[in-house]
Amino acid sequence: MKILLDMNLSPRWMETLQAEGWETLHWSQVGDPRATDEAIVKWAHQHGFVIFTHDLDFGSLLALMRANGPSVIQVRTQDILPEALAGVLLPILKRYEKELEEGALLTVDLYKSRLRLLPLR
């Protein structure tokens, strides 16, 4: 799985996710930090990346576009640093890796996760 970190997440996530074997890039490495969410979605879809974000707008975009991809992982917690969230997030990503590679919206907080397959209806 290839993961693209949105600008609202720390680049420190790269090391955490790469340690699990996932190719990981931060948006600042490949695109304009001021790019629109639409531009990020387009790039991720064209390059086969799953977007990892703290921004709820990506889920809305997928629904409006009725898109089959890219997949989006959105976290809904206050502390979004790897030190606080990795213990919860990594097992969930491993559990749903196949679905994320095929097209899904995964919402994760400290207590639960919700997976919706794309396109959203």
PDB file of N, CA and C in Angstrom:
ATOM      1  N   MET A   1       0.853  -1.171   0.000  1.00  0.00           N
ATOM      2  CA  MET A   1       0.000   0.000   0.000  1.00  0.00           C
ATOM      3  C   MET A   1       0.899   1.234   0.000  1.00  0.00           C
ATOM      4  N   LYS A   2       0.472   2.235  -0.745  1.00  0.00           N
ATOM      5  CA  LYS A   2       1.189   3.507  -0.810  1.00  0.00           C
ATOM      6  C   LYS A   2       0.330   4.571  -0.133  1.00  0.00           C
ATOM      7  N   ILE A   3       0.938   5.303   0.787  1.00  0.00           N
ATOM      8  CA  ILE A   3       0.192   6.270   1.595  1.00  0.00           C
ATOM      9  C   ILE A   3       0.745   7.668   1.376  1.00  0.00           C
ATOM     10  N   LEU A   4      -0.167   8.605   1.119  1.00  0.00           N
ATOM     11  CA  LEU A   4       0.167  10.016   0.954  1.00  0.00           C
ATOM     12  C   LEU A   4      -0.331  10.774   2.170  1.00  0.00           C
ATOM     13  N   LEU A   5       0.594  11.369   2.906  1.00  0.00           N
ATOM     14  CA  LEU A   5       0.243  12.153   4.088  1.00  0.00           C
ATOM     15  C   LEU A   5      -0.187  13.548   3.666  1.00  0.00           C
ATOM     16  N   ASP A   6      -1.346  13.965   4.141  1.00  0.00           N
ATOM     17  CA  ASP A   6      -1.843  15.308   3.886  1.00  0.00           C
ATOM     18  C   ASP A   6      -0.990  16.316   4.676  1.00  0.00           C
ATOM     19  N   MET A   7      -1.066  17.563   4.261  1.00  0.00           N
ATOM     20  CA  MET A   7      -0.273  18.628   4.899  1.00  0.00           C
ATOM     21  C   MET A   7      -0.591  18.772   6.386  1.00  0.00           C
ATOM     22  N   ASN A   8      -1.796  18.383   6.801  1.00  0.00           N
ATOM     23  CA  ASN A   8      -2.168  18.565   8.203  1.00  0.00           C
ATOM     24  C   ASN A   8      -1.620  17.474   9.122  1.00  0.00           C
ATOM     25  N   LEU A   9      -0.828  16.565   8.573  1.00  0.00           N
ATOM     26  CA  LEU A   9      -0.189  15.528   9.386  1.00  0.00           C
ATOM     27  C   LEU A   9       1.320  15.708   9.389  1.00  0.00           C
ATOM     28  N   SER A  10       1.912  15.374  10.491  1.00  0.00           N
ATOM     29  CA  SER A  10       3.359  15.508  10.655  1.00  0.00           C
ATOM     30  C   SER A  10       4.115  14.554   9.728  1.00  0.00           C
ATOM     31  N   PRO A  11       5.191  15.031   9.116  1.00  0.00           N
ATOM     32  CA  PRO A  11       6.048  14.134   8.326  1.00  0.00           C
ATOM     33  C   PRO A  11       6.635  12.995   9.164  1.00  0.00           C
ATOM     34  N   ARG A  12       6.572  13.106  10.489  1.00  0.00           N
ATOM     35  CA  ARG A  12       7.070  12.023  11.350  1.00  0.00           C
ATOM     36  C   ARG A  12       6.294  10.730  11.130  1.00  0.00           C
ATOM     37  N   TRP A  13       5.083  10.825  10.572  1.00  0.00           N
ATOM     38  CA  TRP A  13       4.314   9.621  10.255  1.00  0.00           C
ATOM     39  C   TRP A  13       5.027   8.763   9.227  1.00  0.00           C
ATOM     40  N   MET A  14       5.860   9.381   8.394  1.00  0.00           N
ATOM     41  CA  MET A  14       6.547   8.622   7.342  1.00  0.00           C
ATOM     42  C   MET A  14       7.343   7.467   7.925  1.00  0.00           C
ATOM     43  N   GLU A  15       8.136   7.742   8.918  1.00  0.00           N
ATOM     44  CA  GLU A  15       8.971   6.701   9.530  1.00  0.00           C
ATOM     45  C   GLU A  15       8.113   5.592  10.130  1.00  0.00           C
ATOM     46  N   THR A  16       7.038   5.955  10.809  1.00  0.00           N
ATOM     47  CA  THR A  16       6.149   4.978  11.447  1.00  0.00           C
ATOM     48  C   THR A  16       5.514   4.063  10.412  1.00  0.00           C
ATOM     49  N   LEU A  17       4.997   4.646   9.332  1.00  0.00           N
ATOM     50  CA  LEU A  17       4.315   3.861   8.302  1.00  0.00           C
ATOM     51  C   LEU A  17       5.300   3.066   7.448  1.00  0.00           C
ATOM     52  N   GLN A  18       6.460   3.634   7.163  1.00  0.00           N
ATOM     53  CA  GLN A  18       7.476   2.923   6.390  1.00  0.00           C
ATOM     54  C   GLN A  18       8.009   1.719   7.165  1.00  0.00           C
ATOM     55  N   ALA A  19       8.068   1.834   8.473  1.00  0.00           N
ATOM     56  CA  ALA A  19       8.526   0.713   9.302  1.00  0.00           C
ATOM     57  C   ALA A  19       7.590  -0.490   9.183  1.00  0.00           C
ATOM     58  N   GLU A  20       6.337  -0.247   8.802  1.00  0.00           N
ATOM     59  CA  GLU A  20       5.363  -1.317   8.602  1.00  0.00           C
ATOM     60  C   GLU A  20       5.386  -1.848   7.167  1.00  0.00           C
ATOM     61  N   GLY A  21       6.255  -1.261   6.321  1.00  0.00           N
ATOM     62  CA  GLY A  21       6.401  -1.740   4.962  1.00  0.00           C
ATOM     63  C   GLY A  21       5.598  -0.973   3.926  1.00  0.00           C
ATOM     64  N   TRP A  22       4.967   0.135   4.307  1.00  0.00           N
ATOM     65  CA  TRP A  22       4.168   0.905   3.375  1.00  0.00           C
ATOM     66  C   TRP A  22       4.980   2.069   2.803  1.00  0.00           C
ATOM     67  N   GLU A  23       4.967   2.186   1.497  1.00  0.00           N
ATOM     68  CA  GLU A  23       5.593   3.342   0.852  1.00  0.00           C
ATOM     69  C   GLU A  23       4.814   4.572   1.297  1.00  0.00           C
ATOM     70  N   THR A  24       5.520   5.583   1.768  1.00  0.00           N
ATOM     71  CA  THR A  24       4.850   6.756   2.329  1.00  0.00           C
ATOM     72  C   THR A  24       5.528   8.028   1.869  1.00  0.00           C
ATOM     73  N   LEU A  25       4.717   8.981   1.427  1.00  0.00           N
ATOM     74  CA  LEU A  25       5.187  10.308   1.056  1.00  0.00           C
ATOM     75  C   LEU A  25       4.359  11.354   1.783  1.00  0.00           C
ATOM     76  N   HIS A  26       4.969  12.491   2.038  1.00  0.00           N
ATOM     77  CA  HIS A  26       4.240  13.646   2.579  1.00  0.00           C
ATOM     78  C   HIS A  26       3.931  14.554   1.394  1.00  0.00           C
ATOM     79  N   TRP A  27       2.726  15.123   1.373  1.00  0.00           N
ATOM     80  CA  TRP A  27       2.324  15.967   0.244  1.00  0.00           C
ATOM     81  C   TRP A  27       3.358  17.044  -0.061  1.00  0.00           C
ATOM     82  N   SER A  28       4.034  17.577   0.943  1.00  0.00           N
ATOM     83  CA  SER A  28       5.035  18.631   0.731  1.00  0.00           C
ATOM     84  C   SER A  28       6.195  18.149  -0.142  1.00  0.00           C
ATOM     85  N   GLN A  29       6.370  16.829  -0.289  1.00  0.00           N
ATOM     86  CA  GLN A  29       7.437  16.281  -1.127  1.00  0.00           C
ATOM     87  C   GLN A  29       7.054  16.227  -2.602  1.00  0.00           C
ATOM     88  N   VAL A  30       5.744  16.235  -2.881  1.00  0.00           N
ATOM     89  CA  VAL A  30       5.312  16.011  -4.258  1.00  0.00           C
ATOM     90  C   VAL A  30       4.423  17.107  -4.826  1.00  0.00           C
ATOM     91  N   GLY A  31       3.906  17.988  -3.977  1.00  0.00           N
ATOM     92  CA  GLY A  31       2.968  18.986  -4.464  1.00  0.00           C
ATOM     93  C   GLY A  31       3.050  20.300  -3.711  1.00  0.00           C
ATOM     94  N   ASP A  32       2.305  21.263  -4.197  1.00  0.00           N
ATOM     95  CA  ASP A  32       2.234  22.591  -3.605  1.00  0.00           C
ATOM     96  C   ASP A  32       1.525  22.505  -2.252  1.00  0.00           C
ATOM     97  N   PRO A  33       2.160  22.972  -1.176  1.00  0.00           N
ATOM     98  CA  PRO A  33       1.529  22.928   0.148  1.00  0.00           C
ATOM     99  C   PRO A  33       0.178  23.649   0.204  1.00  0.00           C
ATOM    100  N   ARG A  34      -0.069  24.555  -0.733  1.00  0.00           N
ATOM    101  CA  ARG A  34      -1.345  25.284  -0.752  1.00  0.00           C
ATOM    102  C   ARG A  34      -2.344  24.684  -1.736  1.00  0.00           C
ATOM    103  N   ALA A  35      -2.055  23.506  -2.243  1.00  0.00           N
ATOM    104  CA  ALA A  35      -2.926  22.861  -3.229  1.00  0.00           C
ATOM    105  C   ALA A  35      -4.310  22.598  -2.643  1.00  0.00           C
ATOM    106  N   THR A  36      -5.287  22.590  -3.516  1.00  0.00           N
ATOM    107  CA  THR A  36      -6.648  22.277  -3.089  1.00  0.00           C
ATOM    108  C   THR A  36      -6.776  20.791  -2.786  1.00  0.00           C
ATOM    109  N   ASP A  37      -7.803  20.460  -2.041  1.00  0.00           N
ATOM    110  CA  ASP A  37      -8.072  19.045  -1.766  1.00  0.00           C
ATOM    111  C   ASP A  37      -8.326  18.291  -3.063  1.00  0.00           C
ATOM    112  N   GLU A  38      -8.975  18.950  -4.021  1.00  0.00           N
ATOM    113  CA  GLU A  38      -9.249  18.319  -5.310  1.00  0.00           C
ATOM    114  C   GLU A  38      -7.955  17.938  -6.031  1.00  0.00           C
ATOM    115  N   ALA A  39      -6.956  18.823  -5.954  1.00  0.00           N
ATOM    116  CA  ALA A  39      -5.663  18.545  -6.592  1.00  0.00           C
ATOM    117  C   ALA A  39      -4.976  17.360  -5.919  1.00  0.00           C
ATOM    118  N   ILE A  40      -5.084  17.282  -4.618  1.00  0.00           N
ATOM    119  CA  ILE A  40      -4.468  16.177  -3.879  1.00  0.00           C
ATOM    120  C   ILE A  40      -5.161  14.860  -4.232  1.00  0.00           C
ATOM    121  N   VAL A  41      -6.487  14.884  -4.306  1.00  0.00           N
ATOM    122  CA  VAL A  41      -7.248  13.688  -4.678  1.00  0.00           C
ATOM    123  C   VAL A  41      -6.842  13.231  -6.072  1.00  0.00           C
ATOM    124  N   LYS A  42      -6.758  14.162  -6.991  1.00  0.00           N
ATOM    125  CA  LYS A  42      -6.397  13.815  -8.373  1.00  0.00           C
ATOM    126  C   LYS A  42      -5.005  13.187  -8.424  1.00  0.00           C
ATOM    127  N   TRP A  43      -4.035  13.793  -7.753  1.00  0.00           N
ATOM    128  CA  TRP A  43      -2.668  13.270  -7.765  1.00  0.00           C
ATOM    129  C   TRP A  43      -2.632  11.871  -7.136  1.00  0.00           C
ATOM    130  N   ALA A  44      -3.264  11.723  -5.985  1.00  0.00           N
ATOM    131  CA  ALA A  44      -3.248  10.425  -5.293  1.00  0.00           C
ATOM    132  C   ALA A  44      -3.883   9.343  -6.163  1.00  0.00           C
ATOM    133  N   HIS A  45      -4.974   9.667  -6.809  1.00  0.00           N
ATOM    134  CA  HIS A  45      -5.657   8.690  -7.662  1.00  0.00           C
ATOM    135  C   HIS A  45      -4.772   8.303  -8.851  1.00  0.00           C
ATOM    136  N   GLN A  46      -4.152   9.279  -9.479  1.00  0.00           N
ATOM    137  CA  GLN A  46      -3.296   9.014 -10.636  1.00  0.00           C
ATOM    138  C   GLN A  46      -2.071   8.183 -10.279  1.00  0.00           C
ATOM    139  N   HIS A  47      -1.580   8.326  -9.058  1.00  0.00           N
ATOM    140  CA  HIS A  47      -0.345   7.652  -8.660  1.00  0.00           C
ATOM    141  C   HIS A  47      -0.575   6.446  -7.740  1.00  0.00           C
ATOM    142  N   GLY A  48      -1.832   6.104  -7.477  1.00  0.00           N
ATOM    143  CA  GLY A  48      -2.130   4.909  -6.698  1.00  0.00           C
ATOM    144  C   GLY A  48      -1.879   5.028  -5.210  1.00  0.00           C
ATOM    145  N   PHE A  49      -2.044   6.221  -4.646  1.00  0.00           N
ATOM    146  CA  PHE A  49      -1.822   6.443  -3.221  1.00  0.00           C
ATOM    147  C   PHE A  49      -3.140   6.538  -2.456  1.00  0.00           C
ATOM    148  N   VAL A  50      -3.112   6.097  -1.222  1.00  0.00           N
ATOM    149  CA  VAL A  50      -4.190   6.277  -0.263  1.00  0.00           C
ATOM    150  C   VAL A  50      -3.876   7.570   0.489  1.00  0.00           C
ATOM    151  N   ILE A  51      -4.853   8.446   0.624  1.00  0.00           N
ATOM    152  CA  ILE A  51      -4.644   9.705   1.340  1.00  0.00           C
ATOM    153  C   ILE A  51      -4.891   9.477   2.827  1.00  0.00           C
ATOM    154  N   PHE A  52      -3.954   9.933   3.652  1.00  0.00           N
ATOM    155  CA  PHE A  52      -4.072   9.879   5.111  1.00  0.00           C
ATOM    156  C   PHE A  52      -4.185  11.319   5.584  1.00  0.00           C
ATOM    157  N   THR A  53      -5.288  11.653   6.262  1.00  0.00           N
ATOM    158  CA  THR A  53      -5.577  13.039   6.590  1.00  0.00           C
ATOM    159  C   THR A  53      -6.301  13.193   7.925  1.00  0.00           C
ATOM    160  N   HIS A  54      -6.317  14.407   8.407  1.00  0.00           N
ATOM    161  CA  HIS A  54      -7.099  14.814   9.572  1.00  0.00           C
ATOM    162  C   HIS A  54      -8.239  15.719   9.116  1.00  0.00           C
ATOM    163  N   ASP A  55      -8.406  15.862   7.816  1.00  0.00           N
ATOM    164  CA  ASP A  55      -9.362  16.765   7.179  1.00  0.00           C
ATOM    165  C   ASP A  55     -10.590  15.970   6.744  1.00  0.00           C
ATOM    166  N   LEU A  56     -11.759  16.339   7.240  1.00  0.00           N
ATOM    167  CA  LEU A  56     -12.981  15.621   6.901  1.00  0.00           C
ATOM    168  C   LEU A  56     -13.498  15.958   5.502  1.00  0.00           C
ATOM    169  N   ASP A  57     -12.947  16.978   4.869  1.00  0.00           N
ATOM    170  CA  ASP A  57     -13.404  17.373   3.538  1.00  0.00           C
ATOM    171  C   ASP A  57     -13.173  16.303   2.483  1.00  0.00           C
ATOM    172  N   PHE A  58     -12.177  15.461   2.663  1.00  0.00           N
ATOM    173  CA  PHE A  58     -11.889  14.439   1.656  1.00  0.00           C
ATOM    174  C   PHE A  58     -13.042  13.442   1.526  1.00  0.00           C
ATOM    175  N   GLY A  59     -13.658  13.075   2.624  1.00  0.00           N
ATOM    176  CA  GLY A  59     -14.805  12.184   2.568  1.00  0.00           C
ATOM    177  C   GLY A  59     -15.970  12.822   1.822  1.00  0.00           C
ATOM    178  N   SER A  60     -16.189  14.100   2.060  1.00  0.00           N
ATOM    179  CA  SER A  60     -17.246  14.831   1.354  1.00  0.00           C
ATOM    180  C   SER A  60     -16.953  14.893  -0.137  1.00  0.00           C
ATOM    181  N   LEU A  61     -15.694  15.131  -0.478  1.00  0.00           N
ATOM    182  CA  LEU A  61     -15.297  15.174  -1.889  1.00  0.00           C
ATOM    183  C   LEU A  61     -15.561  13.843  -2.584  1.00  0.00           C
ATOM    184  N   LEU A  62     -15.198  12.765  -1.942  1.00  0.00           N
ATOM    185  CA  LEU A  62     -15.427  11.445  -2.535  1.00  0.00           C
ATOM    186  C   LEU A  62     -16.915  11.203  -2.759  1.00  0.00           C
ATOM    187  N   ALA A  63     -17.733  11.631  -1.802  1.00  0.00           N
ATOM    188  CA  ALA A  63     -19.173  11.446  -1.935  1.00  0.00           C
ATOM    189  C   ALA A  63     -19.726  12.290  -3.078  1.00  0.00           C
ATOM    190  N   LEU A  64     -19.311  13.538  -3.169  1.00  0.00           N
ATOM    191  CA  LEU A  64     -19.798  14.420  -4.228  1.00  0.00           C
ATOM    192  C   LEU A  64     -19.375  13.933  -5.607  1.00  0.00           C
ATOM    193  N   MET A  65     -18.161  13.425  -5.692  1.00  0.00           N
ATOM    194  CA  MET A  65     -17.623  12.959  -6.965  1.00  0.00           C
ATOM    195  C   MET A  65     -18.092  11.543  -7.320  1.00  0.00           C
ATOM    196  N   ARG A  66     -18.659  10.834  -6.326  1.00  0.00           N
ATOM    197  CA  ARG A  66     -19.014   9.420  -6.490  1.00  0.00           C
ATOM    198  C   ARG A  66     -17.830   8.649  -7.061  1.00  0.00           C
ATOM    199  N   ALA A  67     -16.672   8.968  -6.503  1.00  0.00           N
ATOM    200  CA  ALA A  67     -15.410   8.439  -7.007  1.00  0.00           C
ATOM    201  C   ALA A  67     -15.157   7.021  -6.512  1.00  0.00           C
ATOM    202  N   ASN A  68     -14.435   6.261  -7.329  1.00  0.00           N
ATOM    203  CA  ASN A  68     -13.979   4.925  -6.952  1.00  0.00           C
ATOM    204  C   ASN A  68     -12.630   4.982  -6.242  1.00  0.00           C
ATOM    205  N   GLY A  69     -12.020   6.131  -6.227  1.00  0.00           N
ATOM    206  CA  GLY A  69     -10.718   6.290  -5.593  1.00  0.00           C
ATOM    207  C   GLY A  69     -10.287   7.725  -5.673  1.00  0.00           C
ATOM    208  N   PRO A  70      -9.298   8.081  -4.948  1.00  0.00           N
ATOM    209  CA  PRO A  70      -8.444   7.231  -4.129  1.00  0.00           C
ATOM    210  C   PRO A  70      -9.088   6.923  -2.781  1.00  0.00           C
ATOM    211  N   SER A  71      -8.558   5.932  -2.113  1.00  0.00           N
ATOM    212  CA  SER A  71      -8.993   5.656  -0.745  1.00  0.00           C
ATOM    213  C   SER A  71      -8.517   6.782   0.164  1.00  0.00           C
ATOM    214  N   VAL A  72      -9.245   6.966   1.255  1.00  0.00           N
ATOM    215  CA  VAL A  72      -8.908   7.996   2.231  1.00  0.00           C
ATOM    216  C   VAL A  72      -8.988   7.397   3.623  1.00  0.00           C
ATOM    217  N   ILE A  73      -7.967   7.687   4.416  1.00  0.00           N
ATOM    218  CA  ILE A  73      -7.952   7.364   5.846  1.00  0.00           C
ATOM    219  C   ILE A  73      -8.082   8.701   6.558  1.00  0.00           C
ATOM    220  N   GLN A  74      -9.148   8.880   7.315  1.00  0.00           N
ATOM    221  CA  GLN A  74      -9.282  10.135   8.054  1.00  0.00           C
ATOM    222  C   GLN A  74      -9.326   9.833   9.545  1.00  0.00           C
ATOM    223  N   VAL A  75      -8.494  10.553  10.286  1.00  0.00           N
ATOM    224  CA  VAL A  75      -8.447  10.372  11.733  1.00  0.00           C
ATOM    225  C   VAL A  75      -9.219  11.501  12.393  1.00  0.00           C
ATOM    226  N   ARG A  76      -9.977  11.119  13.435  1.00  0.00           N
ATOM    227  CA  ARG A  76     -10.808  12.079  14.144  1.00  0.00           C
ATOM    228  C   ARG A  76     -10.416  12.077  15.615  1.00  0.00           C
ATOM    229  N   THR A  77      -9.204  12.511  15.884  1.00  0.00           N
ATOM    230  CA  THR A  77      -8.718  12.618  17.255  1.00  0.00           C
ATOM    231  C   THR A  77      -8.057  13.972  17.418  1.00  0.00           C
ATOM    232  N   GLN A  78      -7.887  14.387  18.651  1.00  0.00           N
ATOM    233  CA  GLN A  78      -7.220  15.655  18.907  1.00  0.00           C
ATOM    234  C   GLN A  78      -5.713  15.547  18.695  1.00  0.00           C
ATOM    235  N   ASP A  79      -5.119  14.514  19.265  1.00  0.00           N
ATOM    236  CA  ASP A  79      -3.675  14.323  19.150  1.00  0.00           C
ATOM    237  C   ASP A  79      -3.411  13.398  17.969  1.00  0.00           C
ATOM    238  N   ILE A  80      -2.873  13.960  16.908  1.00  0.00           N
ATOM    239  CA  ILE A  80      -2.685  13.199  15.670  1.00  0.00           C
ATOM    240  C   ILE A  80      -1.224  12.835  15.418  1.00  0.00           C
ATOM    241  N   LEU A  81      -0.400  12.966  16.432  1.00  0.00           N
ATOM    242  CA  LEU A  81       1.006  12.588  16.290  1.00  0.00           C
ATOM    243  C   LEU A  81       1.160  11.072  16.365  1.00  0.00           C
ATOM    244  N   PRO A  82       2.161  10.537  15.683  1.00  0.00           N
ATOM    245  CA  PRO A  82       2.338   9.078  15.688  1.00  0.00           C
ATOM    246  C   PRO A  82       2.469   8.482  17.084  1.00  0.00           C
ATOM    247  N   GLU A  83       3.107   9.200  17.978  1.00  0.00           N
ATOM    248  CA  GLU A  83       3.310   8.687  19.333  1.00  0.00           C
ATOM    249  C   GLU A  83       1.976   8.440  20.047  1.00  0.00           C
ATOM    250  N   ALA A  84       0.967   9.215  19.721  1.00  0.00           N
ATOM    251  CA  ALA A  84      -0.326   9.089  20.383  1.00  0.00           C
ATOM    252  C   ALA A  84      -1.278   8.154  19.639  1.00  0.00           C
ATOM    253  N   LEU A  85      -1.140   8.045  18.340  1.00  0.00           N
ATOM    254  CA  LEU A  85      -2.160   7.384  17.533  1.00  0.00           C
ATOM    255  C   LEU A  85      -1.715   6.081  16.869  1.00  0.00           C
ATOM    256  N   ALA A  86      -0.426   5.871  16.722  1.00  0.00           N
ATOM    257  CA  ALA A  86       0.057   4.704  15.972  1.00  0.00           C
ATOM    258  C   ALA A  86      -0.429   3.380  16.563  1.00  0.00           C
ATOM    259  N   GLY A  87      -0.458   3.266  17.879  1.00  0.00           N
ATOM    260  CA  GLY A  87      -0.893   2.019  18.515  1.00  0.00           C
ATOM    261  C   GLY A  87      -2.320   1.636  18.170  1.00  0.00           C
ATOM    262  N   VAL A  88      -3.163   2.625  17.933  1.00  0.00           N
ATOM    263  CA  VAL A  88      -4.547   2.386  17.533  1.00  0.00           C
ATOM    264  C   VAL A  88      -4.648   2.206  16.022  1.00  0.00           C
ATOM    265  N   LEU A  89      -3.970   3.059  15.279  1.00  0.00           N
ATOM    266  CA  LEU A  89      -4.139   3.115  13.828  1.00  0.00           C
ATOM    267  C   LEU A  89      -3.494   1.947  13.080  1.00  0.00           C
ATOM    268  N   LEU A  90      -2.292   1.575  13.431  1.00  0.00           N
ATOM    269  CA  LEU A  90      -1.573   0.559  12.648  1.00  0.00           C
ATOM    270  C   LEU A  90      -2.315  -0.780  12.550  1.00  0.00           C
ATOM    271  N   PRO A  91      -2.858  -1.319  13.652  1.00  0.00           N
ATOM    272  CA  PRO A  91      -3.606  -2.578  13.513  1.00  0.00           C
ATOM    273  C   PRO A  91      -4.841  -2.433  12.612  1.00  0.00           C
ATOM    274  N   ILE A  92      -5.470  -1.268  12.632  1.00  0.00           N
ATOM    275  CA  ILE A  92      -6.644  -1.037  11.786  1.00  0.00           C
ATOM    276  C   ILE A  92      -6.234  -0.986  10.317  1.00  0.00           C
ATOM    277  N   LEU A  93      -5.125  -0.321  10.029  1.00  0.00           N
ATOM    278  CA  LEU A  93      -4.644  -0.268   8.642  1.00  0.00           C
ATOM    279  C   LEU A  93      -4.294  -1.659   8.133  1.00  0.00           C
ATOM    280  N   LYS A  94      -3.681  -2.466   8.971  1.00  0.00           N
ATOM    281  CA  LYS A  94      -3.354  -3.835   8.556  1.00  0.00           C
ATOM    282  C   LYS A  94      -4.626  -4.636   8.300  1.00  0.00           C
ATOM    283  N   ARG A  95      -5.613  -4.450   9.139  1.00  0.00           N
ATOM    284  CA  ARG A  95      -6.884  -5.179   8.998  1.00  0.00           C
ATOM    285  C   ARG A  95      -7.592  -4.825   7.693  1.00  0.00           C
ATOM    286  N   TYR A  96      -7.545  -3.555   7.299  1.00  0.00           N
ATOM    287  CA  TYR A  96      -8.296  -3.082   6.137  1.00  0.00           C
ATOM    288  C   TYR A  96      -7.422  -2.751   4.926  1.00  0.00           C
ATOM    289  N   GLU A  97      -6.205  -3.248   4.899  1.00  0.00           N
ATOM    290  CA  GLU A  97      -5.290  -2.915   3.810  1.00  0.00           C
ATOM    291  C   GLU A  97      -5.866  -3.303   2.443  1.00  0.00           C
ATOM    292  N   LYS A  98      -6.448  -4.461   2.328  1.00  0.00           N
ATOM    293  CA  LYS A  98      -7.011  -4.908   1.051  1.00  0.00           C
ATOM    294  C   LYS A  98      -8.107  -3.957   0.576  1.00  0.00           C
ATOM    295  N   GLU A  99      -9.005  -3.597   1.465  1.00  0.00           N
ATOM    296  CA  GLU A  99     -10.096  -2.693   1.108  1.00  0.00           C
ATOM    297  C   GLU A  99      -9.571  -1.314   0.722  1.00  0.00           C
ATOM    298  N   LEU A 100      -8.557  -0.850   1.417  1.00  0.00           N
ATOM    299  CA  LEU A 100      -7.974   0.453   1.088  1.00  0.00           C
ATOM    300  C   LEU A 100      -7.295   0.419  -0.281  1.00  0.00           C
ATOM    301  N   GLU A 101      -6.705  -0.684  -0.634  1.00  0.00           N
ATOM    302  CA  GLU A 101      -6.080  -0.796  -1.945  1.00  0.00           C
ATOM    303  C   GLU A 101      -7.117  -0.845  -3.059  1.00  0.00           C
ATOM    304  N   GLU A 102      -8.337  -1.266  -2.729  1.00  0.00           N
ATOM    305  CA  GLU A 102      -9.393  -1.381  -3.738  1.00  0.00           C
ATOM    306  C   GLU A 102     -10.289  -0.147  -3.825  1.00  0.00           C
ATOM    307  N   GLY A 103     -10.370   0.647  -2.760  1.00  0.00           N
ATOM    308  CA  GLY A 103     -11.192   1.852  -2.760  1.00  0.00           C
ATOM    309  C   GLY A 103     -12.116   1.917  -1.564  1.00  0.00           C
ATOM    310  N   ALA A 104     -11.752   2.728  -0.566  1.00  0.00           N
ATOM    311  CA  ALA A 104     -12.549   2.815   0.651  1.00  0.00           C
ATOM    312  C   ALA A 104     -12.282   4.135   1.370  1.00  0.00           C
ATOM    313  N   LEU A 105     -13.236   4.485   2.220  1.00  0.00           N
ATOM    314  CA  LEU A 105     -13.078   5.595   3.151  1.00  0.00           C
ATOM    315  C   LEU A 105     -13.045   4.983   4.538  1.00  0.00           C
ATOM    316  N   LEU A 106     -11.931   5.164   5.233  1.00  0.00           N
ATOM    317  CA  LEU A 106     -11.747   4.626   6.571  1.00  0.00           C
ATOM    318  C   LEU A 106     -11.670   5.781   7.553  1.00  0.00           C
ATOM    319  N   THR A 107     -12.579   5.800   8.512  1.00  0.00           N
ATOM    320  CA  THR A 107     -12.594   6.821   9.553  1.00  0.00           C
ATOM    321  C   THR A 107     -12.191   6.161  10.856  1.00  0.00           C
ATOM    322  N   VAL A 108     -11.217   6.767  11.551  1.00  0.00           N
ATOM    323  CA  VAL A 108     -10.666   6.168  12.763  1.00  0.00           C
ATOM    324  C   VAL A 108     -10.642   7.203  13.882  1.00  0.00           C
ATOM    325  N   ASP A 109     -11.122   6.788  15.075  1.00  0.00           N
ATOM    326  CA  ASP A 109     -10.887   7.583  16.273  1.00  0.00           C
ATOM    327  C   ASP A 109     -10.286   6.637  17.317  1.00  0.00           C
ATOM    328  N   LEU A 110     -10.158   7.093  18.531  1.00  0.00           N
ATOM    329  CA  LEU A 110      -9.489   6.271  19.542  1.00  0.00           C
ATOM    330  C   LEU A 110     -10.293   5.044  19.953  1.00  0.00           C
ATOM    331  N   TYR A 111     -11.596   5.028  19.670  1.00  0.00           N
ATOM    332  CA  TYR A 111     -12.449   3.968  20.184  1.00  0.00           C
ATOM    333  C   TYR A 111     -13.079   3.078  19.121  1.00  0.00           C
ATOM    334  N   LYS A 112     -13.126   3.561  17.868  1.00  0.00           N
ATOM    335  CA  LYS A 112     -13.761   2.756  16.837  1.00  0.00           C
ATOM    336  C   LYS A 112     -13.248   3.167  15.462  1.00  0.00           C
ATOM    337  N   SER A 113     -13.584   2.335  14.494  1.00  0.00           N
ATOM    338  CA  SER A 113     -13.272   2.677  13.111  1.00  0.00           C
ATOM    339  C   SER A 113     -14.485   2.320  12.266  1.00  0.00           C
ATOM    340  N   ARG A 114     -14.594   2.997  11.128  1.00  0.00           N
ATOM    341  CA  ARG A 114     -15.701   2.733  10.205  1.00  0.00           C
ATOM    342  C   ARG A 114     -15.142   2.703   8.793  1.00  0.00           C
ATOM    343  N   LEU A 115     -15.454   1.650   8.063  1.00  0.00           N
ATOM    344  CA  LEU A 115     -14.995   1.487   6.696  1.00  0.00           C
ATOM    345  C   LEU A 115     -16.197   1.550   5.770  1.00  0.00           C
ATOM    346  N   ARG A 116     -16.091   2.385   4.747  1.00  0.00           N
ATOM    347  CA  ARG A 116     -17.124   2.469   3.714  1.00  0.00           C
ATOM    348  C   ARG A 116     -16.443   2.263   2.375  1.00  0.00           C
ATOM    349  N   LEU A 117     -16.960   1.343   1.585  1.00  0.00           N
ATOM    350  CA  LEU A 117     -16.381   1.066   0.279  1.00  0.00           C
ATOM    351  C   LEU A 117     -16.790   2.148  -0.712  1.00  0.00           C
ATOM    352  N   LEU A 118     -15.902   2.406  -1.663  1.00  0.00           N
ATOM    353  CA  LEU A 118     -16.166   3.407  -2.695  1.00  0.00           C
ATOM    354  C   LEU A 118     -16.800   2.723  -3.898  1.00  0.00           C
ATOM    355  N   PRO A 119     -17.640   3.420  -4.630  1.00  0.00           N
ATOM    356  CA  PRO A 119     -18.046   4.802  -4.438  1.00  0.00           C
ATOM    357  C   PRO A 119     -19.062   4.930  -3.295  1.00  0.00           C
ATOM    358  N   LEU A 120     -19.042   6.083  -2.626  1.00  0.00           N
ATOM    359  CA  LEU A 120     -19.981   6.351  -1.542  1.00  0.00           C
ATOM    360  C   LEU A 120     -21.349   6.645  -2.143  1.00  0.00           C
ATOM    361  N   ARG A 121     -22.357   6.150  -1.514  1.00  0.00           N
ATOM    362  CA  ARG A 121     -23.731   6.378  -1.991  1.00  0.00           C
ATOM    363  C   ARG A 121     -24.523   7.171  -0.996  1.00  0.00           C
TER     364      ARG A 121
END
